[in-house]
């Protein structure tokens, strides 16, 4: 019974930690401009 309580406590603490990390963890990437030239075959380049 004591092992069951210990496992249950670890599960509850793990869940609480996961919820706290989801709310407090700042995982948003820094915005950076991105641009690429994509050649399109047969579109012509104006020449």
N, C-alpha and C. Protein backbone atom coordinates (compact mmCIF):
# COMPACT_ATOMS: atom_id res chain seq x y z
N UNK A 1 0.83 -1.20 0.00
CA UNK A 1 0.00 0.00 0.00
C UNK A 1 0.87 1.26 0.00
N UNK A 2 2.00 1.18 0.69
CA UNK A 2 2.89 2.33 0.77
C UNK A 2 3.50 2.64 -0.61
N UNK A 3 3.83 1.62 -1.39
CA UNK A 3 4.39 1.83 -2.73
C UNK A 3 3.35 2.46 -3.65
N UNK A 4 2.10 2.03 -3.50
CA UNK A 4 1.03 2.60 -4.31
C UNK A 4 0.87 4.09 -4.04
N UNK A 5 0.95 4.49 -2.77
CA UNK A 5 0.84 5.90 -2.42
C UNK A 5 2.02 6.70 -2.99
N UNK A 6 3.20 6.10 -2.96
CA UNK A 6 4.39 6.79 -3.49
C UNK A 6 4.25 6.98 -5.00
N UNK A 7 3.79 5.97 -5.71
CA UNK A 7 3.61 6.08 -7.16
C UNK A 7 2.52 7.10 -7.48
N UNK A 8 1.45 7.07 -6.73
CA UNK A 8 0.37 8.03 -6.94
C UNK A 8 0.86 9.46 -6.70
N UNK A 9 1.66 9.66 -5.68
CA UNK A 9 2.22 10.98 -5.39
C UNK A 9 3.12 11.44 -6.54
N UNK A 10 3.94 10.55 -7.07
CA UNK A 10 4.81 10.91 -8.19
C UNK A 10 4.00 11.26 -9.43
N UNK A 11 2.93 10.54 -9.68
CA UNK A 11 2.08 10.83 -10.83
C UNK A 11 1.43 12.20 -10.67
N UNK A 12 0.92 12.49 -9.49
CA UNK A 12 0.27 13.78 -9.24
C UNK A 12 1.28 14.92 -9.37
N UNK A 13 2.47 14.76 -8.81
CA UNK A 13 3.50 15.79 -8.90
C UNK A 13 3.96 15.97 -10.35
N UNK A 14 4.09 14.89 -11.08
CA UNK A 14 4.47 14.98 -12.49
C UNK A 14 3.43 15.71 -13.31
N UNK A 15 2.17 15.42 -13.04
CA UNK A 15 1.09 16.10 -13.76
C UNK A 15 1.08 17.59 -13.43
N UNK A 16 1.26 17.92 -12.15
CA UNK A 16 1.29 19.32 -11.75
C UNK A 16 2.48 20.04 -12.38
N UNK A 17 3.60 19.38 -12.47
CA UNK A 17 4.77 19.97 -13.11
C UNK A 17 4.54 20.19 -14.59
N UNK A 18 3.89 19.25 -15.25
CA UNK A 18 3.60 19.39 -16.67
C UNK A 18 2.64 20.55 -16.93
N UNK A 19 1.62 20.67 -16.09
CA UNK A 19 0.67 21.78 -16.24
C UNK A 19 1.37 23.11 -15.98
N UNK A 20 2.20 23.17 -14.97
CA UNK A 20 2.93 24.40 -14.68
C UNK A 20 3.88 24.77 -15.81
N UNK A 21 4.53 23.80 -16.38
CA UNK A 21 5.44 24.06 -17.50
C UNK A 21 4.67 24.55 -18.72
N UNK A 22 3.49 24.00 -18.94
CA UNK A 22 2.67 24.42 -20.09
C UNK A 22 2.22 25.86 -19.93
N UNK A 23 1.92 26.27 -18.71
CA UNK A 23 1.45 27.64 -18.49
C UNK A 23 2.60 28.64 -18.39
N UNK A 24 3.71 28.24 -17.81
CA UNK A 24 4.78 29.19 -17.53
C UNK A 24 5.95 29.10 -18.50
N UNK A 25 6.08 27.99 -19.20
CA UNK A 25 7.20 27.82 -20.13
C UNK A 25 7.00 28.66 -21.38
N UNK A 26 7.99 29.48 -21.70
CA UNK A 26 7.90 30.34 -22.87
C UNK A 26 8.66 29.68 -24.01
N UNK A 27 7.97 28.96 -24.85
CA UNK A 27 8.60 28.21 -25.92
C UNK A 27 8.36 28.84 -27.29
N UNK A 28 7.92 30.10 -27.33
CA UNK A 28 7.67 30.73 -28.61
C UNK A 28 9.00 31.13 -29.24
N UNK A 29 9.20 30.85 -30.51
CA UNK A 29 10.46 31.22 -31.16
C UNK A 29 10.51 32.72 -31.45
N UNK A 30 11.69 33.25 -31.53
CA UNK A 30 11.87 34.65 -31.89
C UNK A 30 11.47 34.85 -33.35
N UNK A 31 10.63 35.84 -33.64
CA UNK A 31 10.24 36.07 -35.03
C UNK A 31 11.43 36.58 -35.85
N UNK A 32 11.59 36.01 -37.02
CA UNK A 32 12.68 36.42 -37.91
C UNK A 32 12.14 36.42 -39.34
N UNK A 33 12.44 37.48 -40.10
CA UNK A 33 11.98 37.49 -41.49
C UNK A 33 12.70 36.44 -42.32
N UNK A 34 11.94 35.79 -43.16
CA UNK A 34 12.50 34.76 -44.02
C UNK A 34 11.97 34.96 -45.43
N UNK A 35 12.86 34.88 -46.38
CA UNK A 35 12.42 34.96 -47.78
C UNK A 35 13.34 34.08 -48.62
N UNK A 36 12.75 33.43 -49.61
CA UNK A 36 13.50 32.57 -50.52
C UNK A 36 12.98 32.77 -51.93
N UNK A 37 13.89 32.72 -52.87
CA UNK A 37 13.53 32.79 -54.27
C UNK A 37 13.31 31.37 -54.76
N UNK A 38 12.12 31.12 -55.25
CA UNK A 38 11.79 29.78 -55.74
C UNK A 38 11.64 29.85 -57.25
N UNK A 39 12.56 29.23 -57.99
CA UNK A 39 12.45 29.26 -59.45
C UNK A 39 11.28 28.38 -59.92
N UNK A 40 10.50 28.93 -60.84
CA UNK A 40 9.38 28.18 -61.39
C UNK A 40 9.70 27.88 -62.84
N UNK A 41 9.85 26.61 -63.19
CA UNK A 41 10.19 26.27 -64.57
C UNK A 41 9.09 26.71 -65.54
N UNK A 42 9.51 27.34 -66.63
CA UNK A 42 8.57 27.73 -67.67
C UNK A 42 7.85 29.03 -67.39
N UNK A 43 8.12 29.69 -66.29
CA UNK A 43 7.44 30.94 -65.98
C UNK A 43 8.08 32.12 -66.69
N UNK A 44 9.32 31.99 -67.10
CA UNK A 44 10.03 33.09 -67.73
C UNK A 44 10.44 34.11 -66.71
N UNK A 45 11.56 34.77 -66.97
CA UNK A 45 12.04 35.76 -66.01
C UNK A 45 12.00 37.17 -66.58
N UNK A 46 11.20 37.39 -67.60
CA UNK A 46 11.04 38.72 -68.15
C UNK A 46 12.03 39.09 -69.22
N UNK A 47 12.92 38.18 -69.62
CA UNK A 47 13.90 38.47 -70.66
C UNK A 47 13.41 38.05 -72.00
